[in-house]
Amino acid sequence: MESLCPIGRSLKSVLCKTQRITLYELRDALAMAEGVQVHHSSIAALLKRLGFSYKKIAGGL
C-alpha cells in the first residue's frame, strides 16, 4: 500500500466523509485542516495519482 503524505491523508479523509465535493471545496477543506494554500489543479493531479476519478453531475446535484 502506498504511503501518503499528511496532505494526501487529509484529502482522503475528506473524500471518505463526503463523495460529492468540488475541487474548490477540497482546497478550502485542506486549507482549514492543514493550513496550506494550494491550487485546485494541484489537488486534481494528486487525486489522479491516488487513483481517484470524478464525474460531473448534471445540474450540480
C-alpha atoms as a PDB file:
ATOM      1  CA  MET A   1       0.000   0.000   0.000  1.00  0.00           C
ATOM      2  CA  GLU A   2       1.197   3.459  -0.901  1.00  0.00           C
ATOM      3  CA  SER A   3       2.395   5.704   1.911  1.00  0.00           C
ATOM      4  CA  LEU A   4       0.613   9.054   1.910  1.00  0.00           C
ATOM      5  CA  CYS A   5       1.927  12.414   2.969  1.00  0.00           C
ATOM      6  CA  PRO A   6      -0.137  14.300   5.584  1.00  0.00           C
ATOM      7  CA  ILE A   7      -1.874  16.296   2.843  1.00  0.00           C
ATOM      8  CA  GLY A   8      -2.794  13.130   0.956  1.00  0.00           C
ATOM      9  CA  ARG A   9      -4.194  11.616   4.141  1.00  0.00           C
ATOM     10  CA  SER A  10      -6.243  14.761   4.794  1.00  0.00           C
ATOM     11  CA  LEU A  11      -7.700  14.700   1.298  1.00  0.00           C
ATOM     12  CA  LYS A  12      -8.509  11.020   1.555  1.00  0.00           C
ATOM     13  CA  SER A  13     -10.181  11.612   4.920  1.00  0.00           C
ATOM     14  CA  VAL A  14     -12.383  14.371   3.473  1.00  0.00           C
ATOM     15  CA  LEU A  15     -13.300  12.199   0.481  1.00  0.00           C
ATOM     16  CA  CYS A  16     -14.277   9.305   2.733  1.00  0.00           C
ATOM     17  CA  LYS A  17     -16.683  11.579   4.606  1.00  0.00           C
ATOM     18  CA  THR A  18     -18.358  13.021   1.521  1.00  0.00           C
ATOM     19  CA  GLN A  19     -18.201  11.891  -2.071  1.00  0.00           C
ATOM     20  CA  ARG A  20     -19.886  14.957  -3.538  1.00  0.00           C
ATOM     21  CA  ILE A  21     -17.325  17.685  -3.179  1.00  0.00           C
ATOM     22  CA  THR A  22     -15.752  20.050  -5.678  1.00  0.00           C
ATOM     23  CA  LEU A  23     -12.046  20.688  -6.111  1.00  0.00           C
ATOM     24  CA  TYR A  24     -12.594  24.164  -4.687  1.00  0.00           C
ATOM     25  CA  GLU A  25     -14.296  22.715  -1.606  1.00  0.00           C
ATOM     26  CA  LEU A  26     -11.428  20.239  -1.223  1.00  0.00           C
ATOM     27  CA  ARG A  27      -8.965  23.132  -1.479  1.00  0.00           C
ATOM     28  CA  ASP A  28     -10.810  25.005   1.265  1.00  0.00           C
ATOM     29  CA  ALA A  29     -11.027  21.913   3.497  1.00  0.00           C
ATOM     30  CA  LEU A  30      -7.310  21.320   3.051  1.00  0.00           C
ATOM     31  CA  ALA A  31      -6.552  24.933   3.955  1.00  0.00           C
ATOM     32  CA  MET A  32      -8.572  24.581   7.160  1.00  0.00           C
ATOM     33  CA  ALA A  33      -7.181  21.162   8.116  1.00  0.00           C
ATOM     34  CA  GLU A  34      -3.520  21.616   7.202  1.00  0.00           C
ATOM     35  CA  GLY A  35      -3.090  25.384   6.924  1.00  0.00           C
ATOM     36  CA  VAL A  36      -1.740  25.199   3.373  1.00  0.00           C
ATOM     37  CA  GLN A  37      -2.813  27.054   0.243  1.00  0.00           C
ATOM     38  CA  VAL A  38      -2.753  25.049  -2.981  1.00  0.00           C
ATOM     39  CA  HIS A  39      -4.245  25.482  -6.433  1.00  0.00           C
ATOM     40  CA  HIS A  40      -7.214  23.296  -7.279  1.00  0.00           C
ATOM     41  CA  SER A  41      -5.306  21.842 -10.250  1.00  0.00           C
ATOM     42  CA  SER A  42      -2.633  20.549  -7.847  1.00  0.00           C
ATOM     43  CA  ILE A  43      -5.356  18.773  -5.888  1.00  0.00           C
ATOM     44  CA  ALA A  44      -6.716  17.283  -9.125  1.00  0.00           C
ATOM     45  CA  ALA A  45      -3.246  15.980 -10.016  1.00  0.00           C
ATOM     46  CA  LEU A  46      -2.780  14.412  -6.570  1.00  0.00           C
ATOM     47  CA  LEU A  47      -6.198  12.772  -6.703  1.00  0.00           C
ATOM     48  CA  LYS A  48      -5.366  11.332 -10.115  1.00  0.00           C
ATOM     49  CA  ARG A  49      -2.088   9.898  -8.771  1.00  0.00           C
ATOM     50  CA  LEU A  50      -4.014   8.381  -5.856  1.00  0.00           C
ATOM     51  CA  GLY A  51      -6.384   6.662  -8.283  1.00  0.00           C
ATOM     52  CA  PHE A  52      -9.452   8.803  -7.670  1.00  0.00           C
ATOM     53  CA  SER A  53     -11.681   9.778 -10.563  1.00  0.00           C
ATOM     54  CA  TYR A  54     -14.516  12.218 -10.849  1.00  0.00           C
ATOM     55  CA  LYS A  55     -17.716  12.569 -12.742  1.00  0.00           C
ATOM     56  CA  LYS A  56     -19.545  15.797 -13.344  1.00  0.00           C
ATOM     57  CA  ILE A  57     -23.110  15.552 -12.097  1.00  0.00           C
ATOM     58  CA  ALA A  58     -25.656  17.297 -14.320  1.00  0.00           C
ATOM     59  CA  GLY A  59     -27.335  20.155 -12.520  1.00  0.00           C
ATOM     60  CA  GLY A  60     -24.755  20.051  -9.740  1.00  0.00           C
ATOM     61  CA  LEU A  61     -26.885  17.755  -7.595  1.00  0.00           C
END
